[in-house]
C-alpha atoms as a PDB file:
ATOM      1  CA  MET A   1     -13.218   0.501 -21.410  1.00  0.00           C
ATOM      2  CA  TYR A   2     -16.253  -0.691 -19.753  1.00  0.00           C
ATOM      3  CA  LEU A   3     -17.319   0.127 -16.279  1.00  0.00           C
ATOM      4  CA  VAL A   4     -19.266  -2.711 -14.220  1.00  0.00           C
ATOM      5  CA  ASN A   5     -20.491  -2.817 -10.774  1.00  0.00           C
ATOM      6  CA  ALA A   6     -19.709  -5.481  -8.352  1.00  0.00           C
ATOM      7  CA  GLU A   7     -22.556  -7.983  -9.206  1.00  0.00           C
ATOM      8  CA  GLN A   8     -21.846  -7.577 -12.988  1.00  0.00           C
ATOM      9  CA  MET A   9     -18.320  -8.307 -12.264  1.00  0.00           C
ATOM     10  CA  GLN A  10     -19.133 -11.292 -10.232  1.00  0.00           C
ATOM     11  CA  LYS A  11     -21.388 -12.757 -12.949  1.00  0.00           C
ATOM     12  CA  MET A  12     -18.426 -12.138 -15.646  1.00  0.00           C
ATOM     13  CA  ASP A  13     -15.773 -13.860 -13.515  1.00  0.00           C
ATOM     14  CA  LYS A  14     -18.477 -16.831 -12.730  1.00  0.00           C
ATOM     15  CA  GLU A  15     -19.328 -17.118 -16.274  1.00  0.00           C
ATOM     16  CA  THR A  16     -15.677 -16.788 -17.742  1.00  0.00           C
ATOM     17  CA  ILE A  17     -14.682 -19.709 -15.106  1.00  0.00           C
ATOM     18  CA  GLU A  18     -17.767 -21.998 -15.456  1.00  0.00           C
ATOM     19  CA  ASP A  19     -18.384 -21.482 -19.278  1.00  0.00           C
ATOM     20  CA  PHE A  20     -14.967 -20.907 -20.755  1.00  0.00           C
ATOM     21  CA  GLY A  21     -13.131 -23.280 -18.209  1.00  0.00           C
ATOM     22  CA  ILE A  22     -10.416 -20.594 -17.443  1.00  0.00           C
ATOM     23  CA  PRO A  23      -9.339 -21.413 -13.826  1.00  0.00           C
ATOM     24  CA  GLY A  24      -9.785 -18.364 -11.399  1.00  0.00           C
ATOM     25  CA  ILE A  25      -6.049 -18.477 -10.739  1.00  0.00           C
ATOM     26  CA  VAL A  26      -5.533 -17.118 -14.259  1.00  0.00           C
ATOM     27  CA  LEU A  27      -8.033 -14.501 -14.149  1.00  0.00           C
ATOM     28  CA  MET A  28      -6.247 -13.253 -11.123  1.00  0.00           C
ATOM     29  CA  GLU A  29      -2.880 -13.527 -12.945  1.00  0.00           C
ATOM     30  CA  SER A  30      -4.324 -11.513 -15.760  1.00  0.00           C
ATOM     31  CA  ALA A  31      -5.977  -8.898 -13.460  1.00  0.00           C
ATOM     32  CA  GLY A  32      -2.831  -8.379 -11.424  1.00  0.00           C
ATOM     33  CA  ARG A  33      -0.452  -8.183 -14.825  1.00  0.00           C
ATOM     34  CA  GLY A  34      -3.165  -5.657 -16.072  1.00  0.00           C
ATOM     35  CA  ALA A  35      -2.885  -3.351 -13.072  1.00  0.00           C
ATOM     36  CA  PHE A  36       0.992  -3.715 -13.035  1.00  0.00           C
ATOM     37  CA  ASP A  37       1.006  -2.588 -16.738  1.00  0.00           C
ATOM     38  CA  ILE A  38      -0.966   0.474 -15.936  1.00  0.00           C
ATOM     39  CA  ILE A  39       1.153   1.237 -12.924  1.00  0.00           C
ATOM     40  CA  MET A  40       4.186   0.902 -14.966  1.00  0.00           C
ATOM     41  CA  ARG A  41       2.696   3.163 -17.504  1.00  0.00           C
ATOM     42  CA  GLU A  42       0.916   5.965 -15.383  1.00  0.00           C
ATOM     43  CA  PHE A  43       4.175   6.319 -12.916  1.00  0.00           C
ATOM     44  CA  PRO A  44       7.221   6.272 -14.869  1.00  0.00           C
ATOM     45  CA  ASP A  45       9.301   7.208 -12.148  1.00  0.00           C
ATOM     46  CA  ILE A  46       8.272   4.246  -9.906  1.00  0.00           C
ATOM     47  CA  ARG A  47      11.803   2.815  -9.728  1.00  0.00           C
ATOM     48  CA  SER A  48      12.449   5.890  -7.304  1.00  0.00           C
ATOM     49  CA  MET A  49       9.424   5.290  -5.050  1.00  0.00           C
ATOM     50  CA  GLU A  50       8.440   2.679  -2.306  1.00  0.00           C
ATOM     51  CA  VAL A  51       5.185   1.089  -3.018  1.00  0.00           C
ATOM     52  CA  CYS A  52       2.745  -0.054  -0.394  1.00  0.00           C
ATOM     53  CA  VAL A  53       0.540  -2.932  -1.267  1.00  0.00           C
ATOM     54  CA  LEU A  54      -2.387  -3.336   1.224  1.00  0.00           C
ATOM     55  CA  ALA A  55      -4.055  -6.694   0.757  1.00  0.00           C
ATOM     56  CA  GLY A  56      -7.002  -8.529   2.218  1.00  0.00           C
ATOM     57  CA  ARG A  57      -7.262 -12.079   2.340  1.00  0.00           C
ATOM     58  CA  GLY A  58      -9.547 -12.699  -0.509  1.00  0.00           C
ATOM     59  CA  ASN A  59      -9.465 -12.581  -4.049  1.00  0.00           C
ATOM     60  CA  ASN A  60      -8.664  -8.954  -4.233  1.00  0.00           C
ATOM     61  CA  GLY A  61      -5.761  -9.433  -1.878  1.00  0.00           C
ATOM     62  CA  GLY A  62      -4.657 -12.585  -4.428  1.00  0.00           C
ATOM     63  CA  ASP A  63      -4.558  -9.773  -7.177  1.00  0.00           C
ATOM     64  CA  ALA A  64      -2.446  -7.404  -5.312  1.00  0.00           C
ATOM     65  CA  PHE A  65       0.120 -10.182  -4.524  1.00  0.00           C
ATOM     66  CA  VAL A  66       0.511 -10.457  -8.355  1.00  0.00           C
ATOM     67  CA  ILE A  67       1.079  -6.811  -8.705  1.00  0.00           C
ATOM     68  CA  ALA A  68       3.490  -6.929  -6.012  1.00  0.00           C
ATOM     69  CA  ARG A  69       5.228  -9.848  -7.666  1.00  0.00           C
ATOM     70  CA  TYR A  70       5.589  -7.894 -11.052  1.00  0.00           C
ATOM     71  CA  LEU A  71       6.906  -5.031  -9.220  1.00  0.00           C
ATOM     72  CA  MET A  72       9.596  -7.114  -7.123  1.00  0.00           C
ATOM     73  CA  GLU A  73      10.445  -8.730 -10.456  1.00  0.00           C
ATOM     74  CA  GLN A  74      11.340  -5.143 -11.606  1.00  0.00           C
ATOM     75  CA  ASN A  75      13.513  -4.496  -8.519  1.00  0.00           C
ATOM     76  CA  ILE A  76      11.051  -1.817  -7.329  1.00  0.00           C
ATOM     77  CA  ALA A  77      10.860  -1.530  -3.331  1.00  0.00           C
ATOM     78  CA  VAL A  78       7.396  -3.379  -2.590  1.00  0.00           C
ATOM     79  CA  ASN A  79       6.316  -3.639   1.156  1.00  0.00           C
ATOM     80  CA  ILE A  80       3.177  -5.822   1.358  1.00  0.00           C
ATOM     81  CA  PHE A  81       0.563  -5.518   4.463  1.00  0.00           C
ATOM     82  CA  LEU A  82      -1.586  -8.314   4.706  1.00  0.00           C
ATOM     83  CA  LEU A  83      -4.740  -7.141   6.593  1.00  0.00           C
ATOM     84  CA  SER A  84      -5.185 -10.514   8.142  1.00  0.00           C
ATOM     85  CA  ALA A  85      -3.187 -13.429   9.483  1.00  0.00           C
ATOM     86  CA  ILE A  86      -1.421 -15.525   7.020  1.00  0.00           C
ATOM     87  CA  ASP A  87      -3.386 -18.913   7.663  1.00  0.00           C
ATOM     88  CA  LYS A  88      -6.744 -17.268   6.932  1.00  0.00           C
ATOM     89  CA  VAL A  89      -5.624 -16.680   3.250  1.00  0.00           C
ATOM     90  CA  LYS A  90      -7.084 -19.610   1.111  1.00  0.00           C
ATOM     91  CA  GLY A  91      -7.476 -20.680  -2.353  1.00  0.00           C
ATOM     92  CA  ASP A  92      -5.828 -18.761  -5.384  1.00  0.00           C
ATOM     93  CA  ALA A  93      -5.224 -15.840  -3.086  1.00  0.00           C
ATOM     94  CA  ARG A  94      -3.197 -18.036  -1.017  1.00  0.00           C
ATOM     95  CA  THR A  95      -1.132 -19.457  -3.726  1.00  0.00           C
ATOM     96  CA  ASN A  96      -0.351 -15.745  -5.120  1.00  0.00           C
ATOM     97  CA  LEU A  97       0.629 -14.761  -1.321  1.00  0.00           C
ATOM     98  CA  GLU A  98       3.201 -17.649  -1.111  1.00  0.00           C
ATOM     99  CA  LEU A  99       4.733 -16.687  -4.670  1.00  0.00           C
ATOM    100  CA  ALA A 100       4.990 -13.274  -3.669  1.00  0.00           C
ATOM    101  CA  ARG A 101       6.499 -14.416  -0.184  1.00  0.00           C
ATOM    102  CA  LYS A 102       9.134 -16.475  -2.063  1.00  0.00           C
ATOM    103  CA  LEU A 103      10.047 -13.919  -4.569  1.00  0.00           C
ATOM    104  CA  GLY A 104       9.989 -11.209  -1.774  1.00  0.00           C
ATOM    105  CA  ALA A 105      12.424 -13.451   0.550  1.00  0.00           C
ATOM    106  CA  LYS A 106      15.100 -12.719  -2.279  1.00  0.00           C
ATOM    107  CA  GLN A 107      14.515  -9.085  -2.557  1.00  0.00           C
ATOM    108  CA  PRO A 108      16.537  -6.871  -0.449  1.00  0.00           C
ATOM    109  CA  ASN A 109      13.879  -4.073  -0.947  1.00  0.00           C
ATOM    110  CA  ALA A 110      10.622  -6.322  -0.513  1.00  0.00           C
ATOM    111  CA  SER A 111       8.721  -7.358   2.777  1.00  0.00           C
ATOM    112  CA  LEU A 112       5.535  -8.978   3.896  1.00  0.00           C
ATOM    113  CA  THR A 113       3.930  -7.956   7.242  1.00  0.00           C
ATOM    114  CA  GLU A 114       0.688  -9.396   8.842  1.00  0.00           C
ATOM    115  CA  VAL A 115      -1.722  -6.767  10.147  1.00  0.00           C
ATOM    116  CA  PRO A 116      -4.112  -9.241  11.643  1.00  0.00           C
ATOM    117  CA  ASP A 117      -6.178  -6.464  13.818  1.00  0.00           C
ATOM    118  CA  ALA A 118      -6.762  -2.942  14.474  1.00  0.00           C
ATOM    119  CA  GLU A 119      -4.078  -2.630  17.132  1.00  0.00           C
ATOM    120  CA  THR A 120      -1.606  -3.930  15.008  1.00  0.00           C
ATOM    121  CA  PHE A 121      -2.547  -1.651  12.266  1.00  0.00           C
ATOM    122  CA  GLU A 122      -2.404   1.475  14.730  1.00  0.00           C
ATOM    123  CA  GLU A 123       1.089   0.256  15.739  1.00  0.00           C
ATOM    124  CA  LEU A 124       2.282   0.009  12.081  1.00  0.00           C
ATOM    125  CA  LYS A 125       0.162   3.021  10.681  1.00  0.00           C
ATOM    126  CA  GLU A 126       2.974   5.701  10.623  1.00  0.00           C
ATOM    127  CA  GLU A 127       5.386   2.882   8.747  1.00  0.00           C
ATOM    128  CA  ILE A 128       2.316   2.238   6.389  1.00  0.00           C
ATOM    129  CA  LEU A 129       2.022   5.893   5.473  1.00  0.00           C
ATOM    130  CA  ASP A 130       5.490   6.205   4.856  1.00  0.00           C
ATOM    131  CA  HIS A 131       5.158   4.965   0.950  1.00  0.00           C
ATOM    132  CA  ASP A 132       4.756   7.010  -2.225  1.00  0.00           C
ATOM    133  CA  LEU A 133       2.337   4.917  -3.903  1.00  0.00           C
ATOM    134  CA  PHE A 134      -0.552   2.708  -2.503  1.00  0.00           C
ATOM    135  CA  VAL A 135      -1.935  -0.412  -4.183  1.00  0.00           C
ATOM    136  CA  ASP A 136      -5.491  -1.041  -2.836  1.00  0.00           C
ATOM    137  CA  GLY A 137      -6.068  -5.092  -2.735  1.00  0.00           C
ATOM    138  CA  ILE A 138      -8.180  -4.880   0.626  1.00  0.00           C
ATOM    139  CA  LEU A 139     -11.748  -5.649  -0.433  1.00  0.00           C
ATOM    140  CA  GLY A 140     -13.161  -6.550  -3.782  1.00  0.00           C
ATOM    141  CA  THR A 141     -16.554  -7.581  -5.271  1.00  0.00           C
ATOM    142  CA  GLY A 142     -17.285 -10.070  -2.612  1.00  0.00           C
ATOM    143  CA  LEU A 143     -18.136  -7.345  -0.193  1.00  0.00           C
ATOM    144  CA  THR A 144     -21.756  -7.398   0.530  1.00  0.00           C
ATOM    145  CA  SER A 145     -22.198  -4.866   3.242  1.00  0.00           C
ATOM    146  CA  ASP A 146     -20.981  -1.558   4.649  1.00  0.00           C
ATOM    147  CA  VAL A 147     -17.260  -1.400   5.102  1.00  0.00           C
ATOM    148  CA  ARG A 148     -16.947  -1.366   8.865  1.00  0.00           C
ATOM    149  CA  GLY A 149     -14.924  -2.007  11.953  1.00  0.00           C
ATOM    150  CA  PHE A 150     -11.177  -2.896  11.267  1.00  0.00           C
ATOM    151  CA  PHE A 151     -11.385  -2.378   7.251  1.00  0.00           C
ATOM    152  CA  LYS A 152     -13.103   0.950   7.803  1.00  0.00           C
ATOM    153  CA  ASP A 153     -10.421   2.057  10.037  1.00  0.00           C
ATOM    154  CA  VAL A 154      -7.964   1.239   7.524  1.00  0.00           C
END
């Protein structure tokens, strides 16, 4: 396994997309599927758990929506908390949000909740904390400053 920093990861993603012509949505699917495989391996009793997916509006959130989708396909209880308004999610992340949303609508043990601000987060904090496993898809390699404000509180 190789560990890279945010700058190196951004460069690798850019080169993969531009030099090899692999679309970002394919990279997102691959990242989400890989994380799902690790979760399934590391948590063999996951079917008895409730999973909380905390997702931002960027590509890291898009990866988290892919993970949530794969968990839902296994009939695992998944609650997605989008730390943004839905209309602010764009691009590949939006595509995967919509896929997770459609799949979740068919699952009795899945939900998607918008958490657009600190006030809503405080109202939902107890519900959010009442899970067995957390998937962090809040901030990714696009972060260029210290975490502050709403995301720091979360």
